[in-house]
Amino acid sequence: MGLPVRLAISVAGIYIAFLTWSLVHEPLTTRQWPNSGRRFEFPSVVALVQGLIAIIVGMVYLKRSHPTYRTRQFMRDHGHELLSISLSQSISTPLASYSLKHVDFLTYMLAKSCKLVPVLVVHLLVYRTNVGTTKTVLALIVTCGVLIFNMGGDSCKSKQTVPGSPLSGGVILLLASLLLDGYTNASQDRMLKRNRSAGISQAKKSITGAHLMVGLNICIVLWNVLCLVFLSPDQFQNAVNMISKDSVIIYYLATYAICGALGQVFIFFTLENYGSLVLVTVTVTRKMFSMILSIVIYRHQVSRLQWVGVATVFGGIVTEAALKRKSAQDVKKLKTQ
């Protein structure tokens, strides 16, 4: 199976899993549930459930990939990196969730759609990685397209915010979450690239996407258990009490966790084989498809400016795909010479 076909399967898997994931994400975190009369605002509980399911799915994924590098040895060798990356994920998620107390969901989606730039910033400033001018320009084009699409709507022009909430506080939380996301993606990419560059001498310790999925989710579960025990001891019991009153929440939570775990399989496969910039491009455009799906289902009106945003994003994607294909063909020609 060729690289373009595998990439297409990975992209399709990410889209299917996370389009479903996004359909339950908004009601799970923003709906006022009727019997309890409040939102389900327990990010550590949500992260814990998703982490546990992701470990199970990840172990199956790891077993099927037939690794020579055992999980326990991988955890011992890279424990510090895994703890650092998973901590950034564990902090980023609640920051983004708590920002919804201060900003509307459109602002949240707008901010979380702009992960390409933080990844580039971390690569350039933290790891001093040369990402290339072309990738930088394409990343900025795709991000600008998403910004144009979001900002071209009437809801954004009216600048609706949550009444009585400090907008600046929500924006600060979102910016912090974005920088942590950038660190997470860039660090995962760096781990894989450094491992691949080790070559034959480290052949028996080859890190795969499956290793990262299992290792990171084990650490995420650990961080969130510590949070629930020491920092927010009432969160778990409050979540259980709320689910007992509104039992339908458990179905949303289970769907959210299962789709998130399955989506991670495709995400780590893409990260392992294509790198973080390609991965973030896919996840950002997935958010575009989520918005388009919403337009189709709920018949939202789309302005001309928003269609310009759509064209900009897909123009960037097509250009990147064409350049990657040309690069692969050039490498193949060199090998055959």
C-alpha atoms as a PDB file:
ATOM      1  CA  MET A   1       0.000   0.000   0.000  1.00  0.00           C
ATOM      2  CA  GLY A   2       1.503   3.315  -1.137  1.00  0.00           C
ATOM      3  CA  LEU A   3       2.061   6.366   1.043  1.00  0.00           C
ATOM      4  CA  PRO A   4      -0.724   8.449  -0.609  1.00  0.00           C
ATOM      5  CA  VAL A   5      -3.255   5.643  -0.002  1.00  0.00           C
ATOM      6  CA  ARG A   6      -2.203   5.218   3.628  1.00  0.00           C
ATOM      7  CA  LEU A   7      -2.405   8.969   4.151  1.00  0.00           C
ATOM      8  CA  ALA A   8      -5.909   9.010   2.629  1.00  0.00           C
ATOM      9  CA  ILE A   9      -7.020   6.198   4.978  1.00  0.00           C
ATOM     10  CA  SER A  10      -5.514   8.015   7.966  1.00  0.00           C
ATOM     11  CA  VAL A  11      -7.244  11.273   7.042  1.00  0.00           C
ATOM     12  CA  ALA A  12     -10.575   9.470   6.546  1.00  0.00           C
ATOM     13  CA  GLY A  13     -10.201   7.761   9.935  1.00  0.00           C
ATOM     14  CA  ILE A  14      -9.453  11.061  11.671  1.00  0.00           C
ATOM     15  CA  TYR A  15     -12.418  12.738   9.985  1.00  0.00           C
ATOM     16  CA  ILE A  16     -14.938   9.978  10.758  1.00  0.00           C
ATOM     17  CA  ALA A  17     -13.859   9.521  14.377  1.00  0.00           C
ATOM     18  CA  PHE A  18     -13.562  13.195  15.229  1.00  0.00           C
ATOM     19  CA  LEU A  19     -16.589  14.415  13.291  1.00  0.00           C
ATOM     20  CA  THR A  20     -18.623  12.075  15.505  1.00  0.00           C
ATOM     21  CA  TRP A  21     -16.556  13.173  18.503  1.00  0.00           C
ATOM     22  CA  SER A  22     -17.319  16.831  17.790  1.00  0.00           C
ATOM     23  CA  LEU A  23     -21.071  16.153  17.539  1.00  0.00           C
ATOM     24  CA  VAL A  24     -21.114  15.017  21.190  1.00  0.00           C
ATOM     25  CA  HIS A  25     -18.405  17.381  22.457  1.00  0.00           C
ATOM     26  CA  GLU A  26     -20.450  20.579  22.413  1.00  0.00           C
ATOM     27  CA  PRO A  27     -23.572  19.231  24.170  1.00  0.00           C
ATOM     28  CA  LEU A  28     -21.473  17.269  26.676  1.00  0.00           C
ATOM     29  CA  THR A  29     -19.573  20.365  27.815  1.00  0.00           C
ATOM     30  CA  THR A  30     -21.974  23.272  27.174  1.00  0.00           C
ATOM     31  CA  ARG A  31     -25.524  21.941  27.594  1.00  0.00           C
ATOM     32  CA  GLN A  32     -27.522  22.710  30.723  1.00  0.00           C
ATOM     33  CA  TRP A  33     -28.672  19.211  31.649  1.00  0.00           C
ATOM     34  CA  PRO A  34     -32.368  19.230  32.680  1.00  0.00           C
ATOM     35  CA  ASN A  35     -32.442  17.217  35.926  1.00  0.00           C
ATOM     36  CA  SER A  36     -29.239  18.567  37.469  1.00  0.00           C
ATOM     37  CA  GLY A  37     -29.697  22.064  36.005  1.00  0.00           C
ATOM     38  CA  ARG A  38     -26.001  22.600  35.264  1.00  0.00           C
ATOM     39  CA  ARG A  39     -23.238  21.917  32.771  1.00  0.00           C
ATOM     40  CA  PHE A  40     -21.027  18.831  32.926  1.00  0.00           C
ATOM     41  CA  GLU A  41     -17.880  20.790  33.839  1.00  0.00           C
ATOM     42  CA  PHE A  42     -15.561  18.029  35.030  1.00  0.00           C
ATOM     43  CA  PRO A  43     -12.589  18.016  32.603  1.00  0.00           C
ATOM     44  CA  SER A  44     -10.421  15.676  34.679  1.00  0.00           C
ATOM     45  CA  VAL A  45     -13.194  13.067  34.786  1.00  0.00           C
ATOM     46  CA  VAL A  46     -13.685  13.339  31.018  1.00  0.00           C
ATOM     47  CA  ALA A  47      -9.917  13.075  30.425  1.00  0.00           C
ATOM     48  CA  LEU A  48      -9.666  10.095  32.796  1.00  0.00           C
ATOM     49  CA  VAL A  49     -12.432   8.145  31.027  1.00  0.00           C
ATOM     50  CA  GLN A  50     -11.010   8.886  27.586  1.00  0.00           C
ATOM     51  CA  GLY A  51      -7.490   8.031  28.758  1.00  0.00           C
ATOM     52  CA  LEU A  52      -8.541   4.625  30.122  1.00  0.00           C
ATOM     53  CA  ILE A  53     -10.361   3.686  26.911  1.00  0.00           C
ATOM     54  CA  ALA A  54      -7.449   5.003  24.826  1.00  0.00           C
ATOM     55  CA  ILE A  55      -5.033   2.755  26.753  1.00  0.00           C
ATOM     56  CA  ILE A  56      -7.152  -0.308  25.911  1.00  0.00           C
ATOM     57  CA  VAL A  57      -7.457   0.641  22.230  1.00  0.00           C
ATOM     58  CA  GLY A  58      -3.779   1.614  22.135  1.00  0.00           C
ATOM     59  CA  MET A  59      -2.669  -1.760  23.528  1.00  0.00           C
ATOM     60  CA  VAL A  60      -4.578  -3.512  20.723  1.00  0.00           C
ATOM     61  CA  TYR A  61      -2.976  -1.141  18.191  1.00  0.00           C
ATOM     62  CA  LEU A  62       0.472  -1.762  19.690  1.00  0.00           C
ATOM     63  CA  LYS A  63       0.047  -5.541  19.681  1.00  0.00           C
ATOM     64  CA  ARG A  64      -1.005  -5.564  16.025  1.00  0.00           C
ATOM     65  CA  SER A  65       2.046  -3.511  15.048  1.00  0.00           C
ATOM     66  CA  HIS A  66       4.344  -6.294  16.427  1.00  0.00           C
ATOM     67  CA  PRO A  67       6.904  -3.988  18.090  1.00  0.00           C
ATOM     68  CA  THR A  68      10.390  -5.109  19.124  1.00  0.00           C
ATOM     69  CA  TYR A  69      10.422  -2.385  21.775  1.00  0.00           C
ATOM     70  CA  ARG A  70       8.503  -3.549  24.866  1.00  0.00           C
ATOM     71  CA  THR A  71       6.094  -1.091  26.483  1.00  0.00           C
ATOM     72  CA  ARG A  72       7.656  -1.295  29.965  1.00  0.00           C
ATOM     73  CA  GLN A  73      11.133  -0.642  28.595  1.00  0.00           C
ATOM     74  CA  PHE A  74       9.788   2.242  26.502  1.00  0.00           C
ATOM     75  CA  MET A  75       8.188   3.782  29.598  1.00  0.00           C
ATOM     76  CA  ARG A  76      11.440   3.434  31.566  1.00  0.00           C
ATOM     77  CA  ASP A  77      13.596   4.899  28.783  1.00  0.00           C
ATOM     78  CA  HIS A  78      11.332   7.851  27.955  1.00  0.00           C
ATOM     79  CA  GLY A  79       9.431   8.396  31.202  1.00  0.00           C
ATOM     80  CA  HIS A  80      10.543  12.008  31.670  1.00  0.00           C
ATOM     81  CA  GLU A  81       9.529  13.020  28.136  1.00  0.00           C
ATOM     82  CA  LEU A  82       6.195  11.201  28.377  1.00  0.00           C
ATOM     83  CA  LEU A  83       5.406  12.825  31.717  1.00  0.00           C
ATOM     84  CA  SER A  84       6.298  16.260  30.335  1.00  0.00           C
ATOM     85  CA  ILE A  85       4.229  15.906  27.143  1.00  0.00           C
ATOM     86  CA  SER A  86       1.255  14.351  28.939  1.00  0.00           C
ATOM     87  CA  LEU A  87       1.358  17.097  31.578  1.00  0.00           C
ATOM     88  CA  SER A  88       1.043  19.732  28.856  1.00  0.00           C
ATOM     89  CA  GLN A  89      -1.949  17.832  27.446  1.00  0.00           C
ATOM     90  CA  SER A  90      -3.503  17.411  30.884  1.00  0.00           C
ATOM     91  CA  ILE A  91      -3.220  21.144  31.585  1.00  0.00           C
ATOM     92  CA  SER A  92      -4.296  22.266  28.103  1.00  0.00           C
ATOM     93  CA  THR A  93      -7.627  20.410  28.144  1.00  0.00           C
ATOM     94  CA  PRO A  94      -9.089  21.947  31.334  1.00  0.00           C
ATOM     95  CA  LEU A  95      -7.768  25.396  30.374  1.00  0.00           C
ATOM     96  CA  ALA A  96      -9.702  25.196  27.115  1.00  0.00           C
ATOM     97  CA  SER A  97     -12.780  23.825  28.900  1.00  0.00           C
ATOM     98  CA  TYR A  98     -12.769  26.520  31.590  1.00  0.00           C
ATOM     99  CA  SER A  99     -12.396  29.211  28.920  1.00  0.00           C
ATOM    100  CA  LEU A 100     -15.984  28.414  27.888  1.00  0.00           C
ATOM    101  CA  LYS A 101     -17.096  30.180  31.066  1.00  0.00           C
ATOM    102  CA  HIS A 102     -15.752  33.420  29.585  1.00  0.00           C
ATOM    103  CA  VAL A 103     -16.096  33.068  25.796  1.00  0.00           C
ATOM    104  CA  ASP A 104     -18.711  31.587  23.474  1.00  0.00           C
ATOM    105  CA  PHE A 105     -18.244  28.302  21.650  1.00  0.00           C
ATOM    106  CA  LEU A 106     -17.458  30.053  18.342  1.00  0.00           C
ATOM    107  CA  THR A 107     -14.492  31.837  19.914  1.00  0.00           C
ATOM    108  CA  TYR A 108     -13.377  28.519  21.405  1.00  0.00           C
ATOM    109  CA  MET A 109     -13.528  26.797  18.008  1.00  0.00           C
ATOM    110  CA  LEU A 110     -11.759  29.723  16.355  1.00  0.00           C
ATOM    111  CA  ALA A 111      -8.856  29.516  18.784  1.00  0.00           C
ATOM    112  CA  LYS A 112      -8.531  25.713  18.754  1.00  0.00           C
ATOM    113  CA  SER A 113      -8.485  25.776  14.950  1.00  0.00           C
ATOM    114  CA  CYS A 114      -5.215  27.740  14.951  1.00  0.00           C
ATOM    115  CA  LYS A 115      -2.815  25.048  16.185  1.00  0.00           C
ATOM    116  CA  LEU A 116      -0.504  25.271  13.179  1.00  0.00           C
ATOM    117  CA  VAL A 117       1.152  28.486  14.317  1.00  0.00           C
ATOM    118  CA  PRO A 118       1.912  27.324  17.920  1.00  0.00           C
ATOM    119  CA  VAL A 119       3.506  24.138  16.529  1.00  0.00           C
ATOM    120  CA  LEU A 120       5.736  26.228  14.285  1.00  0.00           C
ATOM    121  CA  VAL A 121       6.576  28.588  17.160  1.00  0.00           C
ATOM    122  CA  VAL A 122       7.614  25.691  19.429  1.00  0.00           C
ATOM    123  CA  HIS A 123       9.641  24.044  16.644  1.00  0.00           C
ATOM    124  CA  LEU A 124      11.469  27.299  15.926  1.00  0.00           C
ATOM    125  CA  LEU A 125      11.936  28.745  19.421  1.00  0.00           C
ATOM    126  CA  VAL A 126      12.128  25.689  21.706  1.00  0.00           C
ATOM    127  CA  TYR A 127      13.688  22.979  19.526  1.00  0.00           C
ATOM    128  CA  ARG A 128      15.443  25.258  16.984  1.00  0.00           C
ATOM    129  CA  THR A 129      14.102  23.081  14.171  1.00  0.00           C
ATOM    130  CA  ASN A 130      14.317  24.257  10.573  1.00  0.00           C
ATOM    131  CA  VAL A 131      10.764  23.610   9.363  1.00  0.00           C
ATOM    132  CA  GLY A 132      11.304  25.137   5.939  1.00  0.00           C
ATOM    133  CA  THR A 133       9.875  28.259   4.342  1.00  0.00           C
ATOM    134  CA  THR A 134       7.334  26.370   2.236  1.00  0.00           C
ATOM    135  CA  LYS A 135       5.820  24.527   5.206  1.00  0.00           C
ATOM    136  CA  THR A 136       5.698  27.745   7.193  1.00  0.00           C
ATOM    137  CA  VAL A 137       3.906  29.627   4.414  1.00  0.00           C
ATOM    138  CA  LEU A 138       1.427  26.782   3.820  1.00  0.00           C
ATOM    139  CA  ALA A 139       0.728  26.488   7.546  1.00  0.00           C
ATOM    140  CA  LEU A 140      -0.003  30.204   7.724  1.00  0.00           C
ATOM    141  CA  ILE A 141      -2.215  30.027   4.618  1.00  0.00           C
ATOM    142  CA  VAL A 142      -4.312  27.196   6.074  1.00  0.00           C
ATOM    143  CA  THR A 143      -4.601  28.957   9.429  1.00  0.00           C
ATOM    144  CA  CYS A 144      -5.586  32.227   7.735  1.00  0.00           C
ATOM    145  CA  GLY A 145      -8.238  30.352   5.778  1.00  0.00           C
ATOM    146  CA  VAL A 146      -9.766  29.006   8.980  1.00  0.00           C
ATOM    147  CA  LEU A 147      -9.652  32.480  10.529  1.00  0.00           C
ATOM    148  CA  ILE A 148     -11.369  34.013   7.493  1.00  0.00           C
ATOM    149  CA  PHE A 149     -14.048  31.320   7.539  1.00  0.00           C
ATOM    150  CA  ASN A 150     -14.798  31.825  11.231  1.00  0.00           C
ATOM    151  CA  MET A 151     -14.586  35.604  11.234  1.00  0.00           C
ATOM    152  CA  GLY A 152     -16.704  36.019   8.109  1.00  0.00           C
ATOM    153  CA  GLY A 153     -19.894  34.873   9.826  1.00  0.00           C
ATOM    154  CA  ASP A 154     -22.610  37.071  11.291  1.00  0.00           C
ATOM    155  CA  SER A 155     -22.162  35.532  14.753  1.00  0.00           C
ATOM    156  CA  CYS A 156     -18.568  36.677  14.844  1.00  0.00           C
ATOM    157  CA  LYS A 157     -19.366  40.135  13.454  1.00  0.00           C
ATOM    158  CA  SER A 158     -21.857  40.689  16.248  1.00  0.00           C
ATOM    159  CA  LYS A 159     -19.102  39.736  18.718  1.00  0.00           C
ATOM    160  CA  GLN A 160     -21.391  37.810  20.985  1.00  0.00           C
ATOM    161  CA  THR A 161     -19.804  36.864  24.284  1.00  0.00           C
ATOM    162  CA  VAL A 162     -21.030  35.149  27.384  1.00  0.00           C
ATOM    163  CA  PRO A 163     -22.915  37.823  29.384  1.00  0.00           C
ATOM    164  CA  GLY A 164     -21.081  39.116  32.459  1.00  0.00           C
ATOM    165  CA  SER A 165     -17.900  37.189  31.702  1.00  0.00           C
ATOM    166  CA  PRO A 166     -14.435  38.732  31.235  1.00  0.00           C
ATOM    167  CA  LEU A 167     -13.530  38.063  27.598  1.00  0.00           C
ATOM    168  CA  SER A 168      -9.843  38.755  28.186  1.00  0.00           C
ATOM    169  CA  GLY A 169      -9.680  35.975  30.793  1.00  0.00           C
ATOM    170  CA  GLY A 170     -11.102  33.461  28.334  1.00  0.00           C
ATOM    171  CA  VAL A 171      -8.711  34.574  25.599  1.00  0.00           C
ATOM    172  CA  ILE A 172      -5.726  34.196  27.952  1.00  0.00           C
ATOM    173  CA  LEU A 173      -6.852  30.663  28.850  1.00  0.00           C
ATOM    174  CA  LEU A 174      -7.215  29.782  25.165  1.00  0.00           C
ATOM    175  CA  LEU A 175      -3.799  31.212  24.276  1.00  0.00           C
ATOM    176  CA  ALA A 176      -2.184  29.223  27.093  1.00  0.00           C
ATOM    177  CA  SER A 177      -3.982  26.093  25.886  1.00  0.00           C
ATOM    178  CA  LEU A 178      -2.781  26.698  22.320  1.00  0.00           C
ATOM    179  CA  LEU A 179       0.858  27.091  23.372  1.00  0.00           C
ATOM    180  CA  LEU A 180       0.639  23.856  25.356  1.00  0.00           C
ATOM    181  CA  ASP A 181      -0.904  22.131  22.319  1.00  0.00           C
ATOM    182  CA  GLY A 182       1.983  23.417  20.228  1.00  0.00           C
ATOM    183  CA  TYR A 183       4.494  22.034  22.732  1.00  0.00           C
ATOM    184  CA  THR A 184       2.669  18.679  22.773  1.00  0.00           C
ATOM    185  CA  ASN A 185       2.620  18.238  18.992  1.00  0.00           C
ATOM    186  CA  ALA A 186       6.176  19.468  18.445  1.00  0.00           C
ATOM    187  CA  SER A 187       7.566  17.291  21.272  1.00  0.00           C
ATOM    188  CA  GLN A 188       5.845  14.154  19.980  1.00  0.00           C
ATOM    189  CA  ASP A 189       7.212  14.852  16.512  1.00  0.00           C
ATOM    190  CA  ARG A 190      10.712  15.413  17.914  1.00  0.00           C
ATOM    191  CA  MET A 191      10.652  12.113  19.829  1.00  0.00           C
ATOM    192  CA  LEU A 192       9.779  10.166  16.683  1.00  0.00           C
ATOM    193  CA  LYS A 193      12.280  11.987  14.453  1.00  0.00           C
ATOM    194  CA  ARG A 194      15.119  11.610  16.972  1.00  0.00           C
ATOM    195  CA  ASN A 195      14.351   7.911  17.326  1.00  0.00           C
ATOM    196  CA  ARG A 196      14.330   7.411  13.543  1.00  0.00           C
ATOM    197  CA  SER A 197      17.634   9.267  13.171  1.00  0.00           C
ATOM    198  CA  ALA A 198      19.259   6.833  15.645  1.00  0.00           C
ATOM    199  CA  GLY A 199      19.200   4.285  12.819  1.00  0.00           C
ATOM    200  CA  ILE A 200      20.342   0.689  12.993  1.00  0.00           C
ATOM    201  CA  SER A 201      21.983   1.031  16.432  1.00  0.00           C
ATOM    202  CA  GLN A 202      18.537   1.626  17.952  1.00  0.00           C
ATOM    203  CA  ALA A 203      16.594  -0.780  15.716  1.00  0.00           C
ATOM    204  CA  LYS A 204      15.378  -2.796  18.702  1.00  0.00           C
ATOM    205  CA  LYS A 205      14.111   0.381  20.378  1.00  0.00           C
ATOM    206  CA  SER A 206      12.114   1.824  17.509  1.00  0.00           C
ATOM    207  CA  ILE A 207       9.312   4.109  18.761  1.00  0.00           C
ATOM    208  CA  THR A 208       6.012   3.859  16.913  1.00  0.00           C
ATOM    209  CA  GLY A 209       2.829   5.903  17.109  1.00  0.00           C
ATOM    210  CA  ALA A 210       1.318   3.036  19.106  1.00  0.00           C
ATOM    211  CA  HIS A 211       4.050   3.377  21.741  1.00  0.00           C
ATOM    212  CA  LEU A 212       3.287   7.083  22.091  1.00  0.00           C
ATOM    213  CA  MET A 213      -0.450   6.485  22.294  1.00  0.00           C
ATOM    214  CA  VAL A 214      -0.157   3.930  25.101  1.00  0.00           C
ATOM    215  CA  GLY A 215       2.622   5.711  26.996  1.00  0.00           C
ATOM    216  CA  LEU A 216       1.055   9.162  26.879  1.00  0.00           C
ATOM    217  CA  ASN A 217      -2.392   7.940  27.897  1.00  0.00           C
ATOM    218  CA  ILE A 218      -0.953   6.023  30.856  1.00  0.00           C
ATOM    219  CA  CYS A 219       0.679   9.271  31.994  1.00  0.00           C
ATOM    220  CA  ILE A 220      -2.494  11.284  31.284  1.00  0.00           C
ATOM    221  CA  VAL A 221      -4.485   8.898  33.483  1.00  0.00           C
ATOM    222  CA  LEU A 222      -1.832   9.278  36.198  1.00  0.00           C
ATOM    223  CA  TRP A 223      -1.921  13.099  36.072  1.00  0.00           C
ATOM    224  CA  ASN A 224      -5.715  13.232  36.165  1.00  0.00           C
ATOM    225  CA  VAL A 225      -5.943  10.736  39.041  1.00  0.00           C
ATOM    226  CA  LEU A 226      -3.500  12.928  40.994  1.00  0.00           C
ATOM    227  CA  CYS A 227      -5.619  15.974  40.136  1.00  0.00           C
ATOM    228  CA  LEU A 228      -8.819  14.267  41.307  1.00  0.00           C
ATOM    229  CA  VAL A 229      -7.181  13.083  44.540  1.00  0.00           C
ATOM    230  CA  PHE A 230      -5.199  16.166  45.574  1.00  0.00           C
ATOM    231  CA  LEU A 231      -6.390  19.245  43.649  1.00  0.00           C
ATOM    232  CA  SER A 232     -10.072  18.642  42.941  1.00  0.00           C
ATOM    233  CA  PRO A 233     -11.292  15.848  45.249  1.00  0.00           C
ATOM    234  CA  ASP A 234     -14.987  16.722  44.837  1.00  0.00           C
ATOM    235  CA  GLN A 235     -14.927  16.616  41.035  1.00  0.00           C
ATOM    236  CA  PHE A 236     -15.342  12.838  40.665  1.00  0.00           C
ATOM    237  CA  GLN A 237     -18.194  12.542  43.171  1.00  0.00           C
ATOM    238  CA  ASN A 238     -19.969  15.552  41.669  1.00  0.00           C
ATOM    239  CA  ALA A 239     -19.682  13.981  38.219  1.00  0.00           C
ATOM    240  CA  VAL A 240     -21.136  10.692  39.495  1.00  0.00           C
ATOM    241  CA  ASN A 241     -24.002  12.530  41.196  1.00  0.00           C
ATOM    242  CA  MET A 242     -24.766  14.454  38.019  1.00  0.00           C
ATOM    243  CA  ILE A 243     -24.723  11.311  35.867  1.00  0.00           C
ATOM    244  CA  SER A 244     -27.119   9.634  38.335  1.00  0.00           C
ATOM    245  CA  LYS A 245     -29.583  12.491  37.748  1.00  0.00           C
ATOM    246  CA  ASP A 246     -29.035  12.756  33.973  1.00  0.00           C
ATOM    247  CA  SER A 247     -28.093   9.216  32.951  1.00  0.00           C
ATOM    248  CA  VAL A 248     -27.969  10.129  29.238  1.00  0.00           C
ATOM    249  CA  ILE A 249     -24.659  11.886  29.957  1.00  0.00           C
ATOM    250  CA  ILE A 250     -22.965   8.489  30.206  1.00  0.00           C
ATOM    251  CA  TYR A 251     -23.812   7.774  26.548  1.00  0.00           C
ATOM    252  CA  TYR A 252     -22.356  11.109  25.450  1.00  0.00           C
ATOM    253  CA  LEU A 253     -19.271  10.498  27.583  1.00  0.00           C
ATOM    254  CA  ALA A 254     -18.791   6.943  26.259  1.00  0.00           C
ATOM    255  CA  THR A 255     -19.211   8.059  22.634  1.00  0.00           C
ATOM    256  CA  TYR A 256     -16.814  10.932  23.214  1.00  0.00           C
ATOM    257  CA  ALA A 257     -14.185   8.632  24.756  1.00  0.00           C
ATOM    258  CA  ILE A 258     -14.494   5.798  22.207  1.00  0.00           C
ATOM    259  CA  CYS A 259     -14.367   8.123  19.190  1.00  0.00           C
ATOM    260  CA  GLY A 260     -11.457   9.983  20.760  1.00  0.00           C
ATOM    261  CA  ALA A 261      -9.541   6.733  21.309  1.00  0.00           C
ATOM    262  CA  LEU A 262     -10.151   5.469  17.771  1.00  0.00           C
ATOM    263  CA  GLY A 263      -9.218   8.866  16.384  1.00  0.00           C
ATOM    264  CA  GLN A 264      -5.943   8.742  18.318  1.00  0.00           C
ATOM    265  CA  VAL A 265      -4.949   5.560  16.464  1.00  0.00           C
ATOM    266  CA  PHE A 266      -5.100   7.430  13.168  1.00  0.00           C
ATOM    267  CA  ILE A 267      -3.529  10.535  14.699  1.00  0.00           C
ATOM    268  CA  PHE A 268      -0.471   8.690  16.011  1.00  0.00           C
ATOM    269  CA  PHE A 269      -0.153   6.722  12.764  1.00  0.00           C
ATOM    270  CA  THR A 270      -0.149  10.021  10.856  1.00  0.00           C
ATOM    271  CA  LEU A 271       2.310  11.590  13.309  1.00  0.00           C
ATOM    272  CA  GLU A 272       4.663   8.604  13.026  1.00  0.00           C
ATOM    273  CA  ASN A 273       4.654   8.534   9.230  1.00  0.00           C
ATOM    274  CA  TYR A 274       4.087  12.143   8.152  1.00  0.00           C
ATOM    275  CA  GLY A 275       5.063  14.460  11.041  1.00  0.00           C
ATOM    276  CA  SER A 276       3.297  17.000  13.235  1.00  0.00           C
ATOM    277  CA  LEU A 277       2.767  19.722  10.607  1.00  0.00           C
ATOM    278  CA  VAL A 278       0.848  17.338   8.330  1.00  0.00           C
ATOM    279  CA  LEU A 279      -1.079  16.047  11.345  1.00  0.00           C
ATOM    280  CA  VAL A 280      -2.055  19.514  12.522  1.00  0.00           C
ATOM    281  CA  THR A 281      -3.080  20.442   8.967  1.00  0.00           C
ATOM    282  CA  VAL A 282      -5.390  17.413   8.923  1.00  0.00           C
ATOM    283  CA  THR A 283      -6.889  18.175  12.341  1.00  0.00           C
ATOM    284  CA  VAL A 284      -7.404  21.841  11.484  1.00  0.00           C
ATOM    285  CA  THR A 285      -9.160  20.973   8.233  1.00  0.00           C
ATOM    286  CA  ARG A 286     -11.233  18.412  10.122  1.00  0.00           C
ATOM    287  CA  LYS A 287     -12.576  21.334  12.110  1.00  0.00           C
ATOM    288  CA  MET A 288     -13.441  22.970   8.794  1.00  0.00           C
ATOM    289  CA  PHE A 289     -15.439  19.888   7.817  1.00  0.00           C
ATOM    290  CA  SER A 290     -17.172  19.988  11.206  1.00  0.00           C
ATOM    291  CA  MET A 291     -18.286  23.528  10.434  1.00  0.00           C
ATOM    292  CA  ILE A 292     -19.387  22.611   6.908  1.00  0.00           C
ATOM    293  CA  LEU A 293     -21.328  19.633   8.305  1.00  0.00           C
ATOM    294  CA  SER A 294     -23.060  21.995  10.693  1.00  0.00           C
ATOM    295  CA  ILE A 295     -23.945  24.304   7.783  1.00  0.00           C
ATOM    296  CA  VAL A 296     -25.474  21.417   5.824  1.00  0.00           C
ATOM    297  CA  ILE A 297     -27.391  19.881   8.747  1.00  0.00           C
ATOM    298  CA  TYR A 298     -28.627  23.077  10.362  1.00  0.00           C
ATOM    299  CA  ARG A 299     -28.835  25.170   7.140  1.00  0.00           C
ATOM    300  CA  HIS A 300     -26.696  28.032   8.360  1.00  0.00           C
ATOM    301  CA  GLN A 301     -26.105  30.844   5.880  1.00  0.00           C
ATOM    302  CA  VAL A 302     -22.534  31.207   4.643  1.00  0.00           C
ATOM    303  CA  SER A 303     -21.187  34.578   3.548  1.00  0.00           C
ATOM    304  CA  ARG A 304     -18.955  35.152   0.533  1.00  0.00           C
ATOM    305  CA  LEU A 305     -16.051  35.886   2.855  1.00  0.00           C
ATOM    306  CA  GLN A 306     -16.492  32.481   4.491  1.00  0.00           C
ATOM    307  CA  TRP A 307     -16.359  30.757   1.113  1.00  0.00           C
ATOM    308  CA  VAL A 308     -13.091  32.624   0.498  1.00  0.00           C
ATOM    309  CA  GLY A 309     -11.839  31.018   3.716  1.00  0.00           C
ATOM    310  CA  VAL A 310     -12.889  27.566   2.489  1.00  0.00           C
ATOM    311  CA  ALA A 311     -11.097  28.107  -0.824  1.00  0.00           C
ATOM    312  CA  THR A 312      -7.965  29.345   0.977  1.00  0.00           C
ATOM    313  CA  VAL A 313      -7.788  26.289   3.233  1.00  0.00           C
ATOM    314  CA  PHE A 314      -8.338  23.756   0.482  1.00  0.00           C
ATOM    315  CA  GLY A 315      -5.914  25.624  -1.770  1.00  0.00           C
ATOM    316  CA  GLY A 316      -3.254  25.234   0.908  1.00  0.00           C
ATOM    317  CA  ILE A 317      -4.035  21.534   1.351  1.00  0.00           C
ATOM    318  CA  VAL A 318      -3.896  20.786  -2.385  1.00  0.00           C
ATOM    319  CA  THR A 319      -0.601  22.676  -2.702  1.00  0.00           C
ATOM    320  CA  GLU A 320       0.940  20.773   0.216  1.00  0.00           C
ATOM    321  CA  ALA A 321      -0.238  17.421  -1.173  1.00  0.00           C
ATOM    322  CA  ALA A 322       1.198  18.245  -4.608  1.00  0.00           C
ATOM    323  CA  LEU A 323       4.555  19.298  -3.145  1.00  0.00           C
ATOM    324  CA  LYS A 324       4.776  16.171  -0.959  1.00  0.00           C
ATOM    325  CA  ARG A 325       3.989  13.964  -3.955  1.00  0.00           C
ATOM    326  CA  LYS A 326       6.649  15.692  -6.069  1.00  0.00           C
ATOM    327  CA  SER A 327       9.173  15.319  -3.238  1.00  0.00           C
ATOM    328  CA  ALA A 328       8.394  11.600  -2.900  1.00  0.00           C
ATOM    329  CA  GLN A 329       8.771  11.122  -6.658  1.00  0.00           C
ATOM    330  CA  ASP A 330      12.127  12.938  -6.634  1.00  0.00           C
ATOM    331  CA  VAL A 331      13.406  10.707  -3.812  1.00  0.00           C
ATOM    332  CA  LYS A 332      12.222   7.609  -5.682  1.00  0.00           C
ATOM    333  CA  LYS A 333      14.041   8.733  -8.843  1.00  0.00           C
ATOM    334  CA  LEU A 334      17.276   9.274  -6.897  1.00  0.00           C
ATOM    335  CA  LYS A 335      17.058   5.774  -5.416  1.00  0.00           C
ATOM    336  CA  THR A 336      16.557   4.167  -8.820  1.00  0.00           C
ATOM    337  CA  GLN A 337      19.521   5.991 -10.373  1.00  0.00           C
END
